[in-house]
Amino acid sequence: MTQTTTRVLEPSDLDAALEVLEREPVENAFVTSRVQVAGLDPWRLGGEMWGWYADGELRSLCYAGANLVPVCAEPDAVRAFADRARRTGRRCSSIVGPAEPTRLLWRLLEPSWGPARDVRSHQPLMVIEHSSTTVAPDPRVRRIRKDEMDLIMPACVAMFTEEVGISPMAGDGGLLYQARVAELVAGGRSFARVEDGKVVFKAEIGAATAKACQIQGVWVAPEFRGRGHSETGMAAVVDYALRDVAPVVSLYVNDFNTAARAAYRRVGFSEVGAFMSVLF
């Protein structure tokens, strides 16, 4: 009979955790990037990493920080993670991850954690591994400099508010959000087209590992929409990402955002799976 157990991982478990994460380098890019930088120390990682063992072998993970993220989680592991999450109580602002385990995790947690503010049950995961052959990259898309935080922040806040439904400036006055934007700018992973001191298009390379990276925060100023900036801008960011970061570029998008999905397909992205997000 299979013996299973769940526990909080420790720094000494790093190699075993990375082995699990590397099974799905695209799906796991967000968690892998954090672990590679911070290890498994909860203070540095910004949360705990739960591990699920079967017959002494680490098989599944769950990152429990600002987000609750199941990783390579088979159904028995999801049930174990749900039990632990119920006992500790909700500390996260969202549950996000590959659609099937996330769906099961939410079904188990909803009676005690619900209702959610929003459930996005199908968010296509898209990838590209080459420069666009159909869309010319916008030559005016460039990296944002460290001295341009005042320029990029309003666009970031507008994107977040539009996408998530609440302002990132609420609660702590936006300190954590500003710190994250500053981190991406300092790392050379924030990109924009700027005209007359105004951001027209922007996007960031959020999660990044040697095998895959993830584009996030794609936004076009409302008055510039419908002119193809999302396509030419994305083609430019893809070129930066492939050249400087990783051989596979990914993103996930709401299934109801048909315009964005069509734009990404025109650039050359293809759908390879799906994520799910539960927002509180």
Foldseek 3Di string as FASTA:
>chain_A
DKDKDKDWDDLVCQVLVVVQLVVDCAQSLQQNLLCVVQPQDCVSSQFTKMFMDINRHTQWIWTQHLETETGNADPVNLVVVLVVCLVVDDPHQKYKGFQPSSVSNCVSNCVPHDDFPDKQRWWFKKKDQDQFPQAAADPQKAQDALVCLVLCVVLLQVLCCVVVVDGCCPDVRNPVVSVLVSVQSVVRFKIFRDDPSHTAWIWGFRRFDQAETEIDSTDGPVVNPPPLCSQNNVSNSVVCCCVPTHSMYMYIGRPVPVVNVVSVVSRPMDTDGTMMMTGD
